[in-house]
């Protein structure tokens, strides 16, 4: 965001001929000059950053796709169920699976009996 200069108030009368009874000063916007940049010392060499030792396996970091990091960060946000919740829900799934299996098995037996009586 750009910086805006402050407005200063001035007691200069309005050019359009302000009324004499107006005691309110007119706001004048003055563009103030910017401060000069700090002088750069000529011939002074900047310190060189230390050379980093490269790992022989650094290329593996570039081979890892970005989505792996995204998956790991999303898995950290998951609220994992407690052992009691896991045990309870496992029992619910097992009971529902047995009930649906018995229902479908019964329907299969009935249709098998009907087909056998009609066609054989």
Protein backbone atom coordinates (compact mmCIF):
# COMPACT_ATOMS: atom_id res chain seq x y z
CA UNK A 1 0.00 0.00 0.00
CA UNK A 2 1.38 3.39 -0.95
CA UNK A 3 2.10 5.94 1.69
CA UNK A 4 0.18 9.19 1.48
CA UNK A 5 1.71 12.40 2.74
CA UNK A 6 0.04 14.12 5.66
CA UNK A 7 -2.08 17.13 5.02
CA UNK A 8 -1.07 20.27 6.77
CA UNK A 9 -3.42 23.01 7.74
CA UNK A 10 -2.69 26.46 6.56
CA UNK A 11 -4.15 29.79 7.57
CA UNK A 12 -3.82 31.12 4.03
CA UNK A 13 -7.11 32.73 2.94
CA UNK A 14 -9.07 30.95 0.26
CA UNK A 15 -8.29 32.16 -3.27
CA UNK A 16 -12.00 32.26 -4.13
CA UNK A 17 -12.52 34.90 -1.44
CA UNK A 18 -13.55 33.17 1.75
CA UNK A 19 -15.88 34.98 4.07
CA UNK A 20 -14.27 37.02 6.80
CA UNK A 21 -16.32 35.30 9.50
CA UNK A 22 -14.93 31.85 8.60
CA UNK A 23 -12.41 30.98 11.31
CA UNK A 24 -11.80 27.46 10.05
CA UNK A 25 -8.40 27.10 8.34
CA UNK A 26 -8.23 25.75 4.82
CA UNK A 27 -6.55 22.37 4.38
CA UNK A 28 -3.65 22.47 1.96
CA UNK A 29 -2.02 19.36 0.61
CA UNK A 30 1.69 19.74 0.31
CA UNK A 31 3.74 17.11 -1.42
CA UNK A 32 6.79 16.71 0.73
CA UNK A 33 10.03 15.54 -0.86
CA UNK A 34 11.15 12.02 -0.15
CA UNK A 35 14.27 11.53 1.90
CA UNK A 36 17.38 10.78 -0.09
CA UNK A 37 18.55 7.14 -0.09
CA UNK A 38 21.52 6.26 2.04
CA UNK A 39 24.80 6.63 0.17
CA UNK A 40 26.40 3.42 -1.01
CA UNK A 41 30.04 3.09 -0.15
CA UNK A 42 32.01 2.54 -3.34
CA UNK A 43 34.52 -0.27 -3.52
CA UNK A 44 33.25 -2.03 -0.38
CA UNK A 45 32.65 -5.68 -1.11
CA UNK A 46 29.61 -7.31 0.42
CA UNK A 47 30.29 -10.33 2.56
CA UNK A 48 29.64 -13.53 0.65
CA UNK A 49 27.20 -15.99 2.19
CA UNK A 50 28.68 -19.23 3.42
CA UNK A 51 28.58 -22.01 0.91
CA UNK A 52 26.15 -24.66 1.98
CA UNK A 53 27.21 -28.26 1.88
CA UNK A 54 24.94 -30.16 -0.40
CA UNK A 55 23.62 -33.49 0.65
CA UNK A 56 24.26 -36.31 -1.84
CA UNK A 57 20.55 -37.15 -1.57
CA UNK A 58 19.24 -33.60 -2.14
CA UNK A 59 17.79 -34.62 -5.50
CA UNK A 60 15.26 -36.86 -3.70
CA UNK A 61 13.66 -33.78 -2.18
CA UNK A 62 12.92 -32.45 -5.65
CA UNK A 63 11.45 -35.77 -6.76
CA UNK A 64 8.85 -35.83 -4.00
CA UNK A 65 5.60 -34.44 -5.40
CA UNK A 66 3.96 -31.54 -3.63
CA UNK A 67 0.76 -33.49 -2.99
CA UNK A 68 2.59 -35.76 -0.52
CA UNK A 69 3.21 -32.79 1.74
CA UNK A 70 -0.41 -31.70 1.28
CA UNK A 71 -1.66 -35.15 2.27
CA UNK A 72 0.52 -35.17 5.39
CA UNK A 73 -0.67 -31.71 6.42
CA UNK A 74 -4.31 -32.75 5.96
CA UNK A 75 -3.80 -35.94 7.97
CA UNK A 76 -2.54 -33.84 10.87
CA UNK A 77 -5.89 -32.02 10.92
CA UNK A 78 -7.93 -35.23 11.26
CA UNK A 79 -9.54 -36.00 14.60
CA UNK A 80 -8.90 -39.68 15.01
CA UNK A 81 -11.46 -41.81 16.93
CA UNK A 82 -10.61 -43.26 20.31
CA UNK A 83 -10.16 -46.98 20.83
CA UNK A 84 -13.64 -47.27 22.41
CA UNK A 85 -15.28 -45.51 19.45
CA UNK A 86 -13.39 -47.72 17.00
CA UNK A 87 -14.41 -50.90 18.83
CA UNK A 88 -18.08 -49.80 19.00
CA UNK A 89 -18.28 -48.87 15.33
CA UNK A 90 -16.55 -52.10 14.31
CA UNK A 91 -19.19 -54.08 16.18
CA UNK A 92 -21.97 -52.07 14.50
CA UNK A 93 -20.52 -52.79 11.05
CA UNK A 94 -20.15 -56.51 11.84
CA UNK A 95 -23.75 -56.81 13.09
CA UNK A 96 -25.16 -54.94 10.07
CA UNK A 97 -23.07 -57.09 7.70
CA UNK A 98 -24.35 -60.32 9.28
CA UNK A 99 -27.96 -59.07 9.20
CA UNK A 100 -27.78 -58.03 5.54
CA UNK A 101 -26.04 -61.33 4.67
CA UNK A 102 -28.81 -63.36 6.34
CA UNK A 103 -31.49 -61.27 4.60
CA UNK A 104 -29.92 -61.68 1.15
CA UNK A 105 -29.27 -65.39 1.79
CA UNK A 106 -32.93 -65.90 2.70
CA UNK A 107 -34.10 -64.05 -0.42
CA UNK A 108 -31.72 -66.18 -2.53
CA UNK A 109 -33.12 -69.41 -1.02
CA UNK A 110 -36.71 -68.31 -1.66
CA UNK A 111 -36.02 -67.34 -5.29
CA UNK A 112 -34.08 -70.59 -5.81
CA UNK A 113 -37.02 -72.62 -4.46
CA UNK A 114 -39.52 -70.69 -6.67
CA UNK A 115 -37.40 -71.16 -9.81
CA UNK A 116 -36.95 -74.88 -9.05
CA UNK A 117 -40.71 -75.46 -8.62
CA UNK A 118 -41.68 -73.50 -11.73
CA UNK A 119 -39.15 -74.82 -14.26
CA UNK A 120 -38.03 -78.25 -13.05
